[in-house]
Every structure is written in C-alpha cells, then in structure tokens.
Amino acid sequence: MTRAADYPIDPLFLRRWSPRAMDGTPLKKEDLLTLLEAARWAPSSGNGQPWRFVYGLQGTPAFTGLFDLLAAGNRPWCSRAGALLVVLSKSTRDKGDRARTHSFDTGAAWMSIALQATQMNLVAHGMEGFDYDRARSALSLSDEMTVECMVALGHQGKSEDLPEPYRSREQPSTRRPIVELVTELVPTK
C-alpha cells in the first residue's frame, strides 16, 4: 500500500508505521540508546521531561519479565522483538506540583522514538495490550508514575513468518482525512 499525504510533509512521516514482523535478533544496546536519545530531546512543558523508560533486551531476564506482562494477543509476534520497552510518565514536577501535560509530553517522546526507529530501519510498535496493574507492581512504581504503554522494538522481519491474523494485516494503514480531525473555531457573539 502506498501512503499519500493530503498536504506536503516530510516522507519520514509516511514511512513510519507499526509492523509486527520482527526477525528475533536482539537489539544492540547502542541502537536502543540511540532511540532513547531521540526521546530525550522531545519537547515538554517547562522542560520537565516527565518520560521514563524500562527496557529488556531479547534473551535477557528483563525481556522475559516484560514479555510476561503482555496480553495473549501480543505474545505471538512480540516473541521475536529485539527489545521491549515500558513507557512511563511522572505526573508531578520536581517540586511536587502536578504536571498536567505529563502524558502529552511523554507521547512526544514516544513519537521521537518511532521516527528515529524509522530513520534507522528498525521497527517500533507501540501497544496498550498488556497488564497495566501488573506492570505497576512488577516495576515497583510510586504513585506519581503513570504506565503509558509498551513498545516492541526490533529489526524488520518477514510478514510471512507471522501467524494469522497478524500476517494478513501486516501493511501500513491509512489515516482519516484531515477534514474529520480539524475544526476552525467560529467566534460567538
């Protein structure tokens, strides 16, 4: 499927998608740190940088611990990820007051990871299909930490190696037309 933008944007945005097919090669720690470095430079309110990450590389006990948090529907394809990542956000600022945009800011950091992965020809597939409560417990998180999502990272694999129903869905998706997403404010009297 060829993706097309309605307005001119950098091709990187169109190349970025969320494959499930990965080849099972452990991600090099240097590559993981490069992805996380991209996240480090994401914008945030008051430069609070509320994002935090917990990772496990394929073949390590950390990977197994994170894999065990996954929902059954994500396990078949995540088994071949090169790394798993839990994305967290800190809901308070360093002085203890509420950080209202912690989730929003952390979403920007996740997008930085996704775009950097695309630049590096790596897979970055974000997901909500895991046990949030068990993640909170397993990671011994304080009340100020919010579990946002998990991400499977790795080297692109072959779609034919995926079991169904994943194989038939392994292609970039389209997006809603911009007219469905944007509304101009009409001033009231």
Protein backbone atom coordinates (compact mmCIF):
# COMPACT_ATOMS: atom_id res chain seq x y z
CA MET A 1 0.00 0.00 0.00
CA THR A 2 1.30 3.42 -0.91
CA ARG A 3 0.55 6.10 1.63
CA ALA A 4 -0.11 9.64 0.45
CA ALA A 5 -0.44 12.86 2.38
CA ASP A 6 -3.09 15.42 1.53
CA TYR A 7 -0.58 18.23 2.17
CA PRO A 8 3.21 18.29 1.75
CA ILE A 9 5.03 16.67 4.69
CA ASP A 10 8.41 15.03 5.12
CA PRO A 11 8.35 11.49 3.69
CA LEU A 12 9.56 10.18 7.07
CA PHE A 13 6.03 10.57 8.43
CA LEU A 14 4.62 8.38 5.65
CA ARG A 15 7.34 5.74 6.00
CA ARG A 16 6.67 5.37 9.73
CA TRP A 17 4.25 2.58 10.56
CA SER A 18 3.91 -0.16 13.16
CA PRO A 19 4.93 -3.54 11.76
CA ARG A 20 4.62 -6.68 13.84
CA ALA A 21 7.06 -8.81 11.85
CA MET A 22 10.47 -8.80 13.52
CA ASP A 23 13.36 -11.18 12.98
CA GLY A 24 14.16 -12.02 16.63
CA THR A 25 17.64 -10.50 16.62
CA PRO A 26 18.39 -8.84 19.96
CA LEU A 27 18.56 -5.08 19.58
CA LYS A 28 22.05 -3.75 20.20
CA LYS A 29 22.15 -1.68 23.36
CA GLU A 30 23.77 1.14 21.37
CA ASP A 31 20.80 1.18 18.97
CA LEU A 32 18.37 1.20 21.90
CA LEU A 33 20.23 4.10 23.49
CA THR A 34 20.11 5.98 20.17
CA LEU A 35 16.31 5.59 20.14
CA LEU A 36 16.10 6.79 23.74
CA GLU A 37 18.41 9.70 22.95
CA ALA A 38 15.88 10.84 20.36
CA ALA A 39 13.20 10.67 23.07
CA ARG A 40 15.38 12.73 25.41
CA TRP A 41 15.17 15.67 23.00
CA ALA A 42 11.37 15.73 22.75
CA PRO A 43 9.60 18.95 23.77
CA SER A 44 7.98 19.13 27.19
CA SER A 45 6.13 21.67 29.29
CA GLY A 46 8.57 23.70 31.35
CA ASN A 47 11.31 21.35 30.10
CA GLY A 48 10.05 18.88 32.73
CA GLN A 49 10.96 15.79 30.67
CA PRO A 50 8.47 13.53 32.52
CA TRP A 51 9.15 10.41 30.42
CA ARG A 52 10.84 7.36 31.89
CA PHE A 53 11.63 4.03 30.22
CA VAL A 54 12.21 0.50 31.45
CA TYR A 55 13.62 -1.93 28.88
CA GLY A 56 14.55 -5.54 28.36
CA LEU A 57 16.73 -6.82 25.51
CA GLN A 58 15.84 -10.10 23.77
CA GLY A 59 17.43 -13.08 25.50
CA THR A 60 17.69 -11.46 28.94
CA PRO A 61 15.67 -11.97 32.15
CA ALA A 62 14.48 -8.35 31.78
CA PHE A 63 12.92 -9.18 28.40
CA THR A 64 11.19 -12.23 29.90
CA GLY A 65 9.85 -10.14 32.78
CA LEU A 66 8.37 -7.56 30.41
CA PHE A 67 7.14 -10.21 27.98
CA ASP A 68 5.16 -11.78 30.84
CA LEU A 69 3.16 -8.55 31.15
CA LEU A 70 1.86 -8.76 27.57
CA ALA A 71 -1.72 -9.66 26.67
CA ALA A 72 -2.12 -13.01 24.95
CA GLY A 73 -2.85 -11.31 21.62
CA ASN A 74 0.55 -9.59 21.54
CA ARG A 75 2.72 -12.51 22.65
CA PRO A 76 2.91 -14.38 19.31
CA TRP A 77 4.54 -11.51 17.46
CA CYS A 78 6.36 -9.84 20.38
CA SER A 79 8.30 -13.05 20.99
CA ARG A 80 10.52 -12.01 18.07
CA ALA A 81 11.07 -8.41 19.22
CA GLY A 82 14.66 -7.35 19.77
CA ALA A 83 13.67 -5.40 22.89
CA LEU A 84 10.60 -4.48 24.90
CA LEU A 85 10.12 -1.07 26.45
CA VAL A 86 7.67 0.18 29.06
CA VAL A 87 6.92 3.88 28.69
CA LEU A 88 6.17 5.74 31.92
CA SER A 89 5.45 9.33 32.80
CA LYS A 90 5.99 11.24 36.02
CA SER A 91 2.78 13.06 36.92
CA THR A 92 4.47 15.58 39.23
CA ARG A 93 7.16 18.16 38.64
CA ASP A 94 10.43 18.06 40.58
CA LYS A 95 8.98 20.49 43.16
CA GLY A 96 5.99 18.18 43.71
CA ASP A 97 3.25 20.15 41.92
CA ARG A 98 1.08 18.46 39.30
CA ALA A 99 2.49 18.13 35.79
CA ARG A 100 -0.72 18.44 33.76
CA THR A 101 0.84 17.54 30.41
CA HIS A 102 2.96 14.58 31.55
CA SER A 103 1.15 12.12 29.28
CA PHE A 104 1.10 14.54 26.35
CA ASP A 105 4.81 15.26 26.72
CA THR A 106 5.62 11.55 27.02
CA GLY A 107 3.65 10.94 23.81
CA ALA A 108 6.01 13.36 22.09
CA ALA A 109 8.96 11.33 23.40
CA TRP A 110 7.37 8.12 22.10
CA MET A 111 6.90 9.71 18.66
CA SER A 112 10.57 10.68 18.69
CA ILE A 113 11.44 7.02 19.27
CA ALA A 114 9.13 5.93 16.46
CA LEU A 115 10.59 8.42 13.98
CA GLN A 116 14.19 7.62 14.96
CA ALA A 117 13.44 3.91 14.55
CA THR A 118 12.11 4.61 11.06
CA GLN A 119 15.30 6.53 10.23
CA MET A 120 17.33 3.51 11.44
CA ASN A 121 15.17 0.99 9.53
CA LEU A 122 14.01 -0.52 12.81
CA VAL A 123 10.53 -1.49 13.98
CA ALA A 124 8.87 0.47 16.80
CA HIS A 125 5.38 -0.81 17.59
CA GLY A 126 3.56 0.85 20.49
CA MET A 127 0.78 -1.05 22.23
CA GLU A 128 -1.67 -0.97 25.08
CA GLY A 129 -2.20 -4.74 25.12
CA PHE A 130 -0.55 -5.62 28.43
CA ASP A 131 -1.44 -5.72 32.13
CA TYR A 132 -1.01 -2.18 33.43
CA ASP A 133 -1.58 -3.15 37.07
CA ARG A 134 0.97 -5.97 36.94
CA ALA A 135 3.43 -3.61 35.23
CA ARG A 136 2.99 -1.10 38.05
CA SER A 137 3.61 -3.80 40.63
CA ALA A 138 6.48 -5.55 38.80
CA LEU A 139 8.28 -2.24 38.31
CA SER A 140 7.62 -1.12 41.93
CA LEU A 141 6.31 2.24 40.76
CA SER A 142 5.47 5.11 43.07
CA ASP A 143 2.05 6.77 42.89
CA GLU A 144 3.47 9.67 40.86
CA MET A 145 4.38 7.35 37.97
CA THR A 146 1.86 6.55 35.20
CA VAL A 147 2.21 3.50 32.99
CA GLU A 148 1.56 4.81 29.47
CA CYS A 149 2.28 1.98 27.02
CA MET A 150 4.67 -0.72 25.93
CA VAL A 151 6.76 -0.74 22.77
CA ALA A 152 8.17 -3.67 20.83
CA LEU A 153 11.42 -2.76 19.08
CA GLY A 154 13.43 -4.77 16.61
CA HIS A 155 14.70 -5.48 13.15
CA GLN A 156 12.11 -5.87 10.40
CA GLY A 157 11.18 -9.48 9.75
CA LYS A 158 9.16 -11.20 7.05
CA SER A 159 5.39 -10.88 7.14
CA GLU A 160 5.04 -14.50 6.00
CA ASP A 161 6.67 -15.58 9.29
CA LEU A 162 3.77 -14.09 11.26
CA PRO A 163 0.85 -16.29 12.28
CA GLU A 164 -2.65 -15.26 11.27
CA PRO A 165 -4.45 -12.96 11.89
CA TYR A 166 -1.32 -10.79 12.01
CA ARG A 167 0.09 -11.78 8.61
CA SER A 168 -2.89 -10.51 6.60
CA ARG A 169 -2.86 -7.18 8.49
CA GLU A 170 0.89 -6.56 8.07
CA GLN A 171 0.84 -3.39 5.99
CA PRO A 172 0.87 0.36 6.62
CA SER A 173 -2.54 1.76 7.44
CA THR A 174 -4.23 4.85 6.08
CA ARG A 175 -5.44 7.80 8.13
CA ARG A 176 -8.71 9.66 8.44
CA PRO A 177 -9.00 12.68 6.15
CA ILE A 178 -7.82 15.88 7.77
CA VAL A 179 -11.32 17.37 7.48
CA GLU A 180 -12.50 14.79 10.05
CA LEU A 181 -9.82 15.86 12.53
CA VAL A 182 -9.71 19.64 12.33
CA THR A 183 -12.28 22.32 13.12
CA GLU A 184 -11.79 26.04 12.81
CA LEU A 185 -13.08 27.96 15.80
CA VAL A 186 -16.08 30.08 14.88
CA PRO A 187 -16.23 33.05 17.28
CA THR A 188 -19.51 33.54 19.07
CA LYS A 189 -21.02 36.95 19.76
